[in-house]
N, C-alpha and C. Protein backbone atom coordinates (compact mmCIF):
# COMPACT_ATOMS: atom_id res chain seq x y z
N UNK A 1 0.81 -1.19 0.00
CA UNK A 1 0.00 0.00 0.00
C UNK A 1 0.86 1.26 0.00
N UNK A 2 1.91 1.27 0.85
CA UNK A 2 2.79 2.43 0.93
C UNK A 2 3.53 2.63 -0.38
N UNK A 3 3.92 1.55 -1.05
CA UNK A 3 4.64 1.66 -2.31
C UNK A 3 3.76 2.24 -3.41
N UNK A 4 2.46 1.93 -3.40
CA UNK A 4 1.55 2.47 -4.40
C UNK A 4 1.41 3.98 -4.25
N UNK A 5 1.43 4.48 -3.05
CA UNK A 5 1.36 5.92 -2.83
C UNK A 5 2.70 6.60 -3.08
N UNK A 6 3.78 5.91 -2.79
CA UNK A 6 5.11 6.48 -2.91
C UNK A 6 5.50 6.71 -4.38
N UNK A 7 5.19 5.76 -5.27
CA UNK A 7 5.58 5.89 -6.68
C UNK A 7 4.95 7.11 -7.37
N UNK A 8 3.62 7.35 -7.27
CA UNK A 8 3.07 8.57 -7.90
C UNK A 8 3.62 9.85 -7.28
N UNK A 9 3.83 9.84 -5.98
CA UNK A 9 4.39 11.01 -5.32
C UNK A 9 5.81 11.29 -5.80
N UNK A 10 6.61 10.22 -5.92
CA UNK A 10 7.98 10.34 -6.41
C UNK A 10 7.99 10.83 -7.86
N UNK A 11 7.09 10.29 -8.71
CA UNK A 11 6.99 10.71 -10.11
C UNK A 11 6.59 12.18 -10.21
N UNK A 12 5.64 12.61 -9.38
CA UNK A 12 5.22 14.01 -9.38
C UNK A 12 6.35 14.94 -8.95
N UNK A 13 7.14 14.52 -7.98
CA UNK A 13 8.27 15.30 -7.51
C UNK A 13 9.33 15.45 -8.61
N UNK A 14 9.64 14.36 -9.30
CA UNK A 14 10.61 14.41 -10.40
C UNK A 14 10.11 15.30 -11.53
N UNK A 15 8.82 15.19 -11.87
CA UNK A 15 8.24 16.00 -12.94
C UNK A 15 8.30 17.49 -12.58
N UNK A 16 7.96 17.84 -11.34
CA UNK A 16 7.99 19.25 -10.93
C UNK A 16 9.41 19.79 -10.92
N UNK A 17 10.38 18.97 -10.53
CA UNK A 17 11.79 19.40 -10.56
C UNK A 17 12.26 19.64 -11.99
N UNK A 18 11.84 18.75 -12.91
CA UNK A 18 12.22 18.92 -14.33
C UNK A 18 11.60 20.19 -14.89
N UNK A 19 10.35 20.48 -14.53
CA UNK A 19 9.70 21.69 -15.02
C UNK A 19 10.36 22.95 -14.44
N UNK A 20 10.72 22.91 -13.17
CA UNK A 20 11.36 24.07 -12.55
C UNK A 20 12.75 24.31 -13.15
N UNK A 21 13.44 23.25 -13.55
CA UNK A 21 14.75 23.41 -14.19
C UNK A 21 14.60 24.08 -15.54
N UNK A 22 13.43 23.98 -16.16
CA UNK A 22 13.19 24.57 -17.48
C UNK A 22 12.45 25.90 -17.39
N UNK A 23 12.21 26.42 -16.19
CA UNK A 23 11.45 27.66 -16.04
C UNK A 23 12.17 28.60 -15.06
N UNK A 24 12.42 29.82 -15.51
CA UNK A 24 13.03 30.84 -14.67
C UNK A 24 12.31 32.17 -14.90
N UNK A 25 12.29 33.00 -13.87
CA UNK A 25 11.82 34.38 -14.01
C UNK A 25 12.95 35.29 -13.55
N UNK A 26 12.88 36.54 -13.98
CA UNK A 26 13.92 37.49 -13.59
C UNK A 26 13.55 38.90 -13.97
N UNK A 27 14.47 39.81 -13.73
CA UNK A 27 14.26 41.21 -14.09
C UNK A 27 15.46 41.69 -14.88
N UNK A 28 15.25 42.75 -15.66
CA UNK A 28 16.31 43.26 -16.54
C UNK A 28 16.14 44.75 -16.75
N UNK A 29 17.19 45.37 -17.22
CA UNK A 29 17.17 46.78 -17.57
C UNK A 29 18.31 47.08 -18.51
N UNK A 30 18.22 48.21 -19.19
CA UNK A 30 19.30 48.54 -20.11
C UNK A 30 19.05 49.79 -20.90
N UNK A 31 19.80 49.92 -21.99
CA UNK A 31 19.82 51.11 -22.82
C UNK A 31 19.13 50.85 -24.14
N UNK A 32 18.31 51.81 -24.58
CA UNK A 32 17.74 51.82 -25.94
C UNK A 32 18.50 52.86 -26.75
N UNK A 33 18.89 52.50 -27.95
CA UNK A 33 19.52 53.44 -28.89
C UNK A 33 18.61 53.44 -30.11
N UNK A 34 17.71 54.43 -30.21
CA UNK A 34 16.63 54.37 -31.19
C UNK A 34 16.52 55.64 -32.02
N UNK A 35 15.77 55.50 -33.09
CA UNK A 35 15.38 56.65 -33.91
C UNK A 35 14.05 56.33 -34.56
N UNK A 36 13.39 57.38 -35.04
CA UNK A 36 12.16 57.21 -35.81
C UNK A 36 12.47 57.65 -37.22
N UNK A 37 12.23 56.76 -38.18
CA UNK A 37 12.46 57.08 -39.59
C UNK A 37 11.28 57.84 -40.14
N UNK A 38 11.56 58.85 -40.94
CA UNK A 38 10.53 59.67 -41.57
C UNK A 38 11.14 61.01 -41.92
N UNK A 39 10.55 61.69 -42.90
CA UNK A 39 11.06 62.98 -43.35
C UNK A 39 11.08 63.99 -42.21
N UNK A 40 10.15 63.85 -41.27
CA UNK A 40 9.99 64.82 -40.20
C UNK A 40 11.03 64.71 -39.09
N UNK A 41 11.81 63.63 -39.07
CA UNK A 41 12.74 63.40 -37.96
C UNK A 41 14.18 63.38 -38.43
N UNK A 42 15.08 63.79 -37.55
CA UNK A 42 16.51 63.75 -37.86
C UNK A 42 16.96 62.30 -37.97
N UNK A 43 17.88 62.07 -38.88
CA UNK A 43 18.40 60.72 -39.10
C UNK A 43 19.55 60.47 -38.12
N UNK A 44 19.21 60.38 -36.83
CA UNK A 44 20.21 60.13 -35.81
C UNK A 44 19.60 59.32 -34.68
N UNK A 45 20.45 58.53 -34.04
CA UNK A 45 20.00 57.70 -32.93
C UNK A 45 20.10 58.49 -31.63
N UNK A 46 19.12 58.26 -30.74
CA UNK A 46 19.08 58.90 -29.43
C UNK A 46 18.99 57.81 -28.36
N UNK A 47 19.36 58.18 -27.14
CA UNK A 47 19.37 57.22 -26.03
C UNK A 47 18.07 57.28 -25.23
N UNK A 48 17.64 56.11 -24.79
CA UNK A 48 16.52 55.96 -23.88
C UNK A 48 16.86 54.79 -22.96
N UNK A 49 15.86 54.21 -22.34
CA UNK A 49 16.12 53.09 -21.44
C UNK A 49 14.94 52.12 -21.46
N UNK A 50 15.16 50.94 -20.90
CA UNK A 50 14.09 49.97 -20.69
C UNK A 50 14.32 49.25 -19.36
N UNK A 51 13.21 48.83 -18.75
CA UNK A 51 13.28 48.11 -17.49
C UNK A 51 12.04 47.21 -17.41
N UNK A 52 12.21 46.03 -16.82
CA UNK A 52 11.07 45.13 -16.72
C UNK A 52 11.45 43.74 -16.26
N UNK A 53 10.60 42.78 -16.60
CA UNK A 53 10.81 41.40 -16.18
C UNK A 53 10.71 40.44 -17.35
N UNK A 54 11.20 39.22 -17.12
CA UNK A 54 11.18 38.19 -18.17
C UNK A 54 10.95 36.83 -17.54
N UNK A 55 10.56 35.89 -18.39
CA UNK A 55 10.44 34.48 -18.01
C UNK A 55 11.15 33.65 -19.07
N UNK A 56 11.77 32.58 -18.65
CA UNK A 56 12.41 31.64 -19.58
C UNK A 56 11.72 30.30 -19.43
N UNK A 57 11.19 29.80 -20.54
CA UNK A 57 10.46 28.53 -20.55
C UNK A 57 11.18 27.59 -21.51
N UNK A 58 11.74 26.51 -20.99
CA UNK A 58 12.44 25.54 -21.83
C UNK A 58 11.47 24.72 -22.66
N UNK A 59 11.83 24.52 -23.93
CA UNK A 59 11.02 23.71 -24.84
C UNK A 59 11.83 22.54 -25.39
N UNK A 60 12.80 22.09 -24.66
CA UNK A 60 13.68 21.02 -25.12
C UNK A 60 15.12 21.40 -24.92
N UNK A 61 16.02 20.62 -25.54
CA UNK A 61 17.46 20.87 -25.36
C UNK A 61 17.93 22.14 -26.04
N UNK A 62 17.37 22.48 -27.20
CA UNK A 62 17.88 23.60 -27.99
C UNK A 62 16.97 24.83 -27.99
N UNK A 63 15.66 24.65 -27.75
CA UNK A 63 14.73 25.76 -27.89
C UNK A 63 14.14 26.20 -26.56
N UNK A 64 13.77 27.46 -26.51
CA UNK A 64 13.11 28.02 -25.34
C UNK A 64 12.27 29.21 -25.75
N UNK A 65 11.33 29.57 -24.90
CA UNK A 65 10.47 30.72 -25.12
C UNK A 65 10.77 31.75 -24.04
N UNK A 66 10.88 33.02 -24.42
CA UNK A 66 11.18 34.07 -23.46
C UNK A 66 10.21 35.23 -23.61
N UNK A 67 9.07 35.20 -22.91
CA UNK A 67 8.18 36.37 -22.89
C UNK A 67 8.70 37.41 -21.90
N UNK A 68 8.48 38.68 -22.22
CA UNK A 68 8.94 39.77 -21.36
C UNK A 68 7.86 40.84 -21.25
N UNK A 69 7.93 41.63 -20.21
CA UNK A 69 7.12 42.85 -20.07
C UNK A 69 8.09 43.97 -19.72
N UNK A 70 8.18 44.97 -20.60
CA UNK A 70 9.18 46.03 -20.45
C UNK A 70 8.54 47.41 -20.54
N UNK A 71 9.06 48.34 -19.77
CA UNK A 71 8.77 49.75 -19.97
C UNK A 71 9.90 50.28 -20.83
N UNK A 72 9.57 50.76 -22.04
CA UNK A 72 10.55 51.24 -23.01
C UNK A 72 10.40 52.73 -23.23
N UNK A 73 11.51 53.47 -23.19
CA UNK A 73 11.48 54.87 -23.55
C UNK A 73 12.30 55.06 -24.83
N UNK A 74 11.65 55.62 -25.87
CA UNK A 74 12.32 55.95 -27.12
C UNK A 74 12.43 57.46 -27.21
N UNK A 75 13.57 57.94 -27.72
CA UNK A 75 13.78 59.38 -27.91
C UNK A 75 14.14 59.64 -29.36
N UNK A 76 13.74 60.80 -29.86
CA UNK A 76 14.09 61.20 -31.21
C UNK A 76 14.08 62.71 -31.30
N UNK A 77 14.59 63.25 -32.41
CA UNK A 77 14.62 64.71 -32.61
C UNK A 77 13.90 65.07 -33.91
N UNK A 78 13.20 66.20 -33.87
CA UNK A 78 12.49 66.68 -35.04
C UNK A 78 13.46 67.34 -36.01
N UNK A 79 13.19 67.18 -37.30
CA UNK A 79 13.95 67.83 -38.35
C UNK A 79 13.29 69.16 -38.68
N UNK A 80 14.00 70.04 -39.37
CA UNK A 80 13.41 71.33 -39.75
C UNK A 80 12.26 71.14 -40.74
N UNK A 81 12.24 70.04 -41.50
CA UNK A 81 11.14 69.75 -42.42
C UNK A 81 9.81 69.59 -41.68
N UNK A 82 9.88 69.22 -40.42
CA UNK A 82 8.69 68.97 -39.63
C UNK A 82 7.78 70.19 -39.58
N UNK A 83 8.39 71.35 -39.41
CA UNK A 83 7.62 72.59 -39.28
C UNK A 83 6.88 72.92 -40.57
N UNK A 84 7.45 72.55 -41.71
CA UNK A 84 6.81 72.83 -43.00
C UNK A 84 5.65 71.87 -43.26
N UNK A 85 5.82 70.62 -42.87
CA UNK A 85 4.79 69.61 -43.14
C UNK A 85 3.62 69.75 -42.18
N UNK A 86 3.91 69.96 -40.88
CA UNK A 86 2.88 69.99 -39.85
C UNK A 86 2.89 71.31 -39.09
N UNK A 87 2.85 72.43 -39.80
CA UNK A 87 2.99 73.71 -39.14
C UNK A 87 1.84 74.07 -38.21
N UNK A 88 0.65 73.50 -38.39
CA UNK A 88 -0.48 73.83 -37.53
C UNK A 88 -0.68 72.85 -36.38
N UNK A 89 0.16 71.84 -36.28
CA UNK A 89 -0.05 70.81 -35.26
C UNK A 89 0.93 70.94 -34.10
N UNK A 90 2.19 71.21 -34.39
CA UNK A 90 3.21 71.16 -33.35
C UNK A 90 3.76 72.52 -33.00
N UNK A 91 4.20 72.63 -31.77
CA UNK A 91 4.86 73.82 -31.27
C UNK A 91 6.21 73.95 -31.97
N UNK A 92 6.45 75.04 -32.64
CA UNK A 92 7.66 75.19 -33.45
C UNK A 92 8.94 75.27 -32.61
N UNK A 93 8.82 75.59 -31.31
CA UNK A 93 10.02 75.69 -30.48
C UNK A 93 10.49 74.33 -29.96
N UNK A 94 9.64 73.30 -30.06
CA UNK A 94 9.99 71.98 -29.54
C UNK A 94 10.82 71.22 -30.59
N UNK A 95 11.89 70.56 -30.16
CA UNK A 95 12.72 69.84 -31.13
C UNK A 95 12.94 68.37 -30.78
N UNK A 96 12.51 67.92 -29.60
CA UNK A 96 12.73 66.51 -29.25
C UNK A 96 11.42 65.87 -28.80
N UNK A 97 11.38 64.53 -28.92
CA UNK A 97 10.20 63.75 -28.57
C UNK A 97 10.64 62.56 -27.73
N UNK A 98 9.88 62.28 -26.67
CA UNK A 98 10.10 61.06 -25.87
C UNK A 98 8.81 60.26 -25.88
N UNK A 99 8.90 58.99 -26.27
CA UNK A 99 7.75 58.10 -26.31
C UNK A 99 7.95 56.98 -25.30
N UNK A 100 6.97 56.75 -24.44
CA UNK A 100 7.05 55.70 -23.42
C UNK A 100 6.07 54.58 -23.78
N UNK A 101 6.60 53.38 -23.97
CA UNK A 101 5.81 52.22 -24.36
C UNK A 101 5.82 51.15 -23.28
N UNK A 102 4.71 50.46 -23.13
CA UNK A 102 4.67 49.20 -22.41
C UNK A 102 4.81 48.14 -23.50
N UNK A 103 5.94 47.45 -23.53
CA UNK A 103 6.27 46.51 -24.60
C UNK A 103 6.21 45.08 -24.12
N UNK A 104 5.72 44.20 -24.98
CA UNK A 104 5.64 42.77 -24.67
C UNK A 104 6.33 42.00 -25.80
N UNK A 105 7.63 41.73 -25.67
CA UNK A 105 8.30 40.88 -26.64
C UNK A 105 8.06 39.40 -26.30
N UNK A 106 7.91 38.59 -27.33
CA UNK A 106 7.79 37.13 -27.16
C UNK A 106 8.85 36.52 -28.06
N UNK A 107 9.94 36.06 -27.45
CA UNK A 107 11.12 35.63 -28.19
C UNK A 107 11.28 34.12 -28.18
N UNK A 108 11.75 33.61 -29.30
CA UNK A 108 12.14 32.21 -29.38
C UNK A 108 13.66 32.17 -29.22
N UNK A 109 14.15 31.41 -28.25
CA UNK A 109 15.58 31.27 -28.00
C UNK A 109 16.09 29.98 -28.62
N UNK A 110 17.18 30.08 -29.36
CA UNK A 110 17.84 28.90 -29.91
C UNK A 110 19.23 28.83 -29.29
N UNK A 111 19.49 27.78 -28.52
CA UNK A 111 20.77 27.64 -27.84
C UNK A 111 21.84 27.24 -28.86
N UNK A 112 22.74 28.17 -29.11
CA UNK A 112 23.79 27.96 -30.11
C UNK A 112 24.99 27.24 -29.50
N UNK A 113 25.42 27.69 -28.33
CA UNK A 113 26.56 27.08 -27.64
C UNK A 113 26.10 26.70 -26.24
N UNK A 114 25.60 25.49 -26.08
CA UNK A 114 25.11 25.03 -24.78
C UNK A 114 24.12 25.99 -24.17
N UNK A 115 24.27 26.27 -22.88
CA UNK A 115 23.44 27.28 -22.22
C UNK A 115 24.10 28.64 -22.24
N UNK A 116 25.31 28.75 -22.79
CA UNK A 116 26.08 29.98 -22.74
C UNK A 116 25.55 31.04 -23.71
N UNK A 117 25.34 30.69 -24.98
CA UNK A 117 24.95 31.65 -26.02
C UNK A 117 23.69 31.19 -26.73
N UNK A 118 22.71 32.09 -26.77
CA UNK A 118 21.44 31.82 -27.46
C UNK A 118 21.17 32.91 -28.49
N UNK A 119 20.62 32.52 -29.63
CA UNK A 119 20.10 33.47 -30.60
C UNK A 119 18.63 33.69 -30.29
N UNK A 120 18.15 34.93 -30.46
CA UNK A 120 16.77 35.27 -30.12
C UNK A 120 16.09 35.97 -31.29
N UNK A 121 14.80 35.69 -31.49
CA UNK A 121 14.01 36.38 -32.50
C UNK A 121 12.54 36.25 -32.15
N UNK A 122 11.76 37.27 -32.53
CA UNK A 122 10.34 37.22 -32.29
C UNK A 122 9.68 38.58 -32.41
N UNK A 123 8.35 38.61 -32.21
CA UNK A 123 7.61 39.87 -32.30
C UNK A 123 7.60 40.63 -30.98
N UNK A 124 7.32 41.91 -31.09
CA UNK A 124 7.13 42.76 -29.91
C UNK A 124 5.89 43.62 -30.12
N UNK A 125 5.00 43.61 -29.15
CA UNK A 125 3.80 44.42 -29.19
C UNK A 125 3.99 45.57 -28.21
N UNK A 126 3.76 46.79 -28.66
CA UNK A 126 3.95 47.95 -27.79
C UNK A 126 2.70 48.80 -27.70
N UNK A 127 2.41 49.27 -26.49
CA UNK A 127 1.28 50.17 -26.24
C UNK A 127 1.85 51.50 -25.76
N UNK A 128 1.52 52.58 -26.46
CA UNK A 128 2.02 53.90 -26.09
C UNK A 128 1.36 54.35 -24.79
N UNK A 129 2.20 54.55 -23.76
CA UNK A 129 1.68 54.95 -22.44
C UNK A 129 1.58 56.47 -22.33
N UNK A 130 2.60 57.18 -22.81
CA UNK A 130 2.59 58.64 -22.74
C UNK A 130 3.63 59.18 -23.72
N UNK A 131 3.48 60.43 -24.04
CA UNK A 131 4.48 61.11 -24.86
C UNK A 131 4.53 62.55 -24.39
N UNK A 132 5.51 63.30 -24.89
CA UNK A 132 5.69 64.69 -24.48
C UNK A 132 4.46 65.51 -24.84
N UNK A 133 3.65 65.88 -23.87
CA UNK A 133 2.47 66.69 -24.14
C UNK A 133 2.88 68.10 -24.57
N UNK A 134 4.08 68.55 -24.14
CA UNK A 134 4.53 69.89 -24.51
C UNK A 134 4.79 70.00 -26.00
N UNK A 135 4.96 68.87 -26.66
CA UNK A 135 5.21 68.89 -28.10
C UNK A 135 3.95 69.26 -28.87
N UNK A 136 2.80 68.96 -28.33
CA UNK A 136 1.56 69.09 -29.07
C UNK A 136 0.87 70.41 -28.80
N UNK A 137 0.28 71.00 -29.83
CA UNK A 137 -0.54 72.19 -29.67
C UNK A 137 -2.00 71.76 -29.66
N UNK A 138 -2.79 72.40 -28.84
CA UNK A 138 -4.24 72.16 -28.79
C UNK A 138 -4.59 70.71 -28.49
N UNK A 139 -3.73 69.99 -27.81
CA UNK A 139 -4.04 68.61 -27.42
C UNK A 139 -4.11 67.63 -28.58
N UNK A 140 -3.56 67.97 -29.73
CA UNK A 140 -3.58 67.05 -30.87
C UNK A 140 -2.78 65.80 -30.59
N UNK A 141 -3.19 64.67 -31.12
CA UNK A 141 -2.49 63.40 -30.91
C UNK A 141 -1.70 63.08 -32.18
N UNK A 142 -0.40 62.90 -32.06
CA UNK A 142 0.44 62.68 -33.23
C UNK A 142 0.80 61.22 -33.43
N UNK A 143 0.95 60.46 -32.33
CA UNK A 143 1.46 59.10 -32.44
C UNK A 143 0.37 58.08 -32.16
N UNK A 144 0.35 57.02 -32.97
CA UNK A 144 -0.62 55.95 -32.76
C UNK A 144 -0.37 55.29 -31.41
N UNK A 145 -1.41 54.71 -30.86
CA UNK A 145 -1.35 54.13 -29.52
C UNK A 145 -0.64 52.79 -29.46
N UNK A 146 -0.30 52.21 -30.59
CA UNK A 146 0.37 50.91 -30.58
C UNK A 146 1.45 50.83 -31.63
N UNK A 147 2.40 49.94 -31.39
CA UNK A 147 3.50 49.70 -32.33
C UNK A 147 3.76 48.20 -32.38
N UNK A 148 4.02 47.67 -33.56
CA UNK A 148 4.35 46.26 -33.74
C UNK A 148 5.75 46.18 -34.33
N UNK A 149 6.64 45.43 -33.69
CA UNK A 149 8.04 45.36 -34.10
C UNK A 149 8.50 43.92 -34.18
N UNK A 150 9.63 43.72 -34.85
CA UNK A 150 10.34 42.45 -34.85
C UNK A 150 11.69 42.65 -34.18
N UNK A 151 12.11 41.65 -33.42
CA UNK A 151 13.39 41.69 -32.70
C UNK A 151 14.28 40.55 -33.16
N UNK A 152 15.57 40.78 -33.17
CA UNK A 152 16.55 39.72 -33.41
C UNK A 152 17.82 40.09 -32.66
N UNK A 153 18.44 39.07 -32.03
CA UNK A 153 19.65 39.36 -31.28
C UNK A 153 20.23 38.12 -30.66
N UNK A 154 21.02 38.32 -29.61
CA UNK A 154 21.70 37.22 -28.94
C UNK A 154 21.72 37.49 -27.44
N UNK A 155 21.82 36.39 -26.67
CA UNK A 155 21.88 36.50 -25.21
C UNK A 155 22.97 35.58 -24.68
N UNK A 156 23.74 36.10 -23.73
CA UNK A 156 24.78 35.32 -23.06
C UNK A 156 24.32 35.06 -21.63
N UNK A 157 24.45 33.80 -21.19
CA UNK A 157 24.10 33.42 -19.81
C UNK A 157 25.39 33.14 -19.05
N UNK A 158 25.55 33.80 -17.93
CA UNK A 158 26.66 33.55 -17.02
C UNK A 158 26.04 33.25 -15.66
N UNK A 159 25.73 31.99 -15.40
CA UNK A 159 25.02 31.57 -14.20
C UNK A 159 23.65 32.24 -14.18
N UNK A 160 23.37 33.12 -13.24
CA UNK A 160 22.06 33.78 -13.17
C UNK A 160 22.03 35.10 -13.95
N UNK A 161 23.16 35.55 -14.45
CA UNK A 161 23.25 36.83 -15.17
C UNK A 161 22.94 36.62 -16.65
N UNK A 162 22.17 37.56 -17.22
CA UNK A 162 21.82 37.54 -18.64
C UNK A 162 22.29 38.85 -19.27
N UNK A 163 23.09 38.74 -20.33
CA UNK A 163 23.54 39.91 -21.10
C UNK A 163 23.01 39.73 -22.51
N UNK A 164 22.24 40.72 -22.99
CA UNK A 164 21.65 40.56 -24.32
C UNK A 164 21.78 41.84 -25.14
N UNK A 165 21.82 41.64 -26.45
CA UNK A 165 21.82 42.72 -27.42
C UNK A 165 20.84 42.38 -28.52
N UNK A 166 20.02 43.37 -28.92
CA UNK A 166 18.98 43.12 -29.92
C UNK A 166 18.87 44.28 -30.89
N UNK A 167 18.41 43.94 -32.09
CA UNK A 167 18.01 44.95 -33.07
C UNK A 167 16.49 44.93 -33.13
N UNK A 168 15.86 46.10 -33.07
CA UNK A 168 14.40 46.23 -33.08
C UNK A 168 14.00 47.04 -34.30
N UNK A 169 13.06 46.51 -35.10
CA UNK A 169 12.56 47.27 -36.24
C UNK A 169 11.04 47.31 -36.20
N UNK A 170 10.49 48.54 -36.23
CA UNK A 170 9.04 48.73 -36.25
C UNK A 170 8.49 48.42 -37.62
N UNK A 171 7.35 47.74 -37.66
CA UNK A 171 6.76 47.35 -38.93
C UNK A 171 5.58 48.21 -39.35
N UNK A 172 4.95 48.91 -38.42
CA UNK A 172 3.78 49.71 -38.80
C UNK A 172 4.05 51.20 -38.69
N UNK A 173 3.26 51.97 -39.39
CA UNK A 173 3.35 53.43 -39.39
C UNK A 173 2.74 53.95 -38.09
N UNK A 174 3.53 54.69 -37.29
CA UNK A 174 3.02 55.21 -36.01
C UNK A 174 2.56 56.66 -36.11
N UNK A 175 2.52 57.22 -37.32
CA UNK A 175 2.01 58.57 -37.54
C UNK A 175 0.48 58.53 -37.46
N UNK A 176 -0.09 59.27 -36.51
CA UNK A 176 -1.54 59.29 -36.33
C UNK A 176 -2.16 60.61 -36.78
N UNK A 177 -1.38 61.45 -37.48
CA UNK A 177 -1.91 62.73 -37.96
C UNK A 177 -2.53 62.56 -39.34
N UNK A 178 -1.75 62.03 -40.27
CA UNK A 178 -2.21 61.81 -41.64
C UNK A 178 -1.26 60.84 -42.33
N UNK A 179 -1.36 60.70 -43.63
CA UNK A 179 -0.50 59.78 -44.38
C UNK A 179 0.55 60.52 -45.20
N UNK A 180 0.81 61.79 -44.89
CA UNK A 180 1.84 62.54 -45.63
C UNK A 180 3.23 61.96 -45.39
N UNK A 181 3.48 61.52 -44.17
CA UNK A 181 4.82 61.07 -43.79
C UNK A 181 4.68 59.79 -42.98
N UNK A 182 5.38 58.73 -43.37
CA UNK A 182 5.34 57.46 -42.64
C UNK A 182 6.45 57.46 -41.59
N UNK A 183 6.08 57.15 -40.34
CA UNK A 183 7.04 57.09 -39.24
C UNK A 183 7.17 55.66 -38.77
N UNK A 184 8.42 55.17 -38.71
CA UNK A 184 8.69 53.82 -38.20
C UNK A 184 9.88 53.88 -37.25
N UNK A 185 9.79 53.12 -36.18
CA UNK A 185 10.86 53.10 -35.19
C UNK A 185 11.86 52.00 -35.52
N UNK A 186 13.09 52.22 -35.10
CA UNK A 186 14.12 51.18 -35.17
C UNK A 186 15.20 51.51 -34.17
N UNK A 187 15.97 50.48 -33.80
CA UNK A 187 17.04 50.75 -32.85
C UNK A 187 17.66 49.49 -32.28
N UNK A 188 18.47 49.70 -31.28
CA UNK A 188 19.21 48.63 -30.61
C UNK A 188 18.89 48.67 -29.12
N UNK A 189 18.90 47.50 -28.50
CA UNK A 189 18.75 47.39 -27.06
C UNK A 189 19.90 46.58 -26.50
N UNK A 190 20.50 47.07 -25.42
CA UNK A 190 21.54 46.35 -24.71
C UNK A 190 21.04 46.20 -23.26
N UNK A 191 20.99 44.95 -22.77
CA UNK A 191 20.35 44.69 -21.46
C UNK A 191 21.25 43.88 -20.55
N UNK A 192 21.04 44.09 -19.26
CA UNK A 192 21.64 43.27 -18.22
C UNK A 192 20.49 42.76 -17.35
N UNK A 193 20.43 41.43 -17.17
CA UNK A 193 19.33 40.84 -16.42
C UNK A 193 19.83 39.88 -15.36
N UNK A 194 18.92 39.55 -14.46
CA UNK A 194 19.23 38.60 -13.38
C UNK A 194 18.05 37.63 -13.26
N UNK A 195 18.35 36.34 -13.43
CA UNK A 195 17.33 35.30 -13.26
C UNK A 195 17.26 34.92 -11.78
N UNK A 196 16.06 34.77 -11.27
CA UNK A 196 15.88 34.44 -9.85
C UNK A 196 15.77 32.93 -9.65
């Protein structure tokens, strides 16, 4: 009787240990180096930051899934063409823009060199949380409330430490004024994370 109860309990314990070995959560933060492409913006990268949490879910020896929730800040500068295209919408004295997104990347990890180096790729969904209200005249809304991007990069694991670098490219037009000028985001992210 005791052996019949012991075997399922032992099997459940082994299964839960195997699942925990394939599942980690943690937090991360780092630097965004981004720009917004479009005639209205300067063709230069600006610095921002990101901070948030991640989970690592093992899907076998080589593959894993890494969903994240990040607060992302993107910065960019207006070009002089901006005033000619949108002279009735924006304050002419303002020259920079900060966009704050709640971003949800869902990455597929491919372990290239054991657990040390992984390649990452996947989509990122972003919701615009706030932007510089001082940029806008009369409360006009310039940027769409959402952004869809693709990410590709690599991650290094050193015990519980995660070091990653990614390229982010926006796929949709985030201009919410009109269709005169298409605005798309792109940039790089460098992160330092800690798995718990």
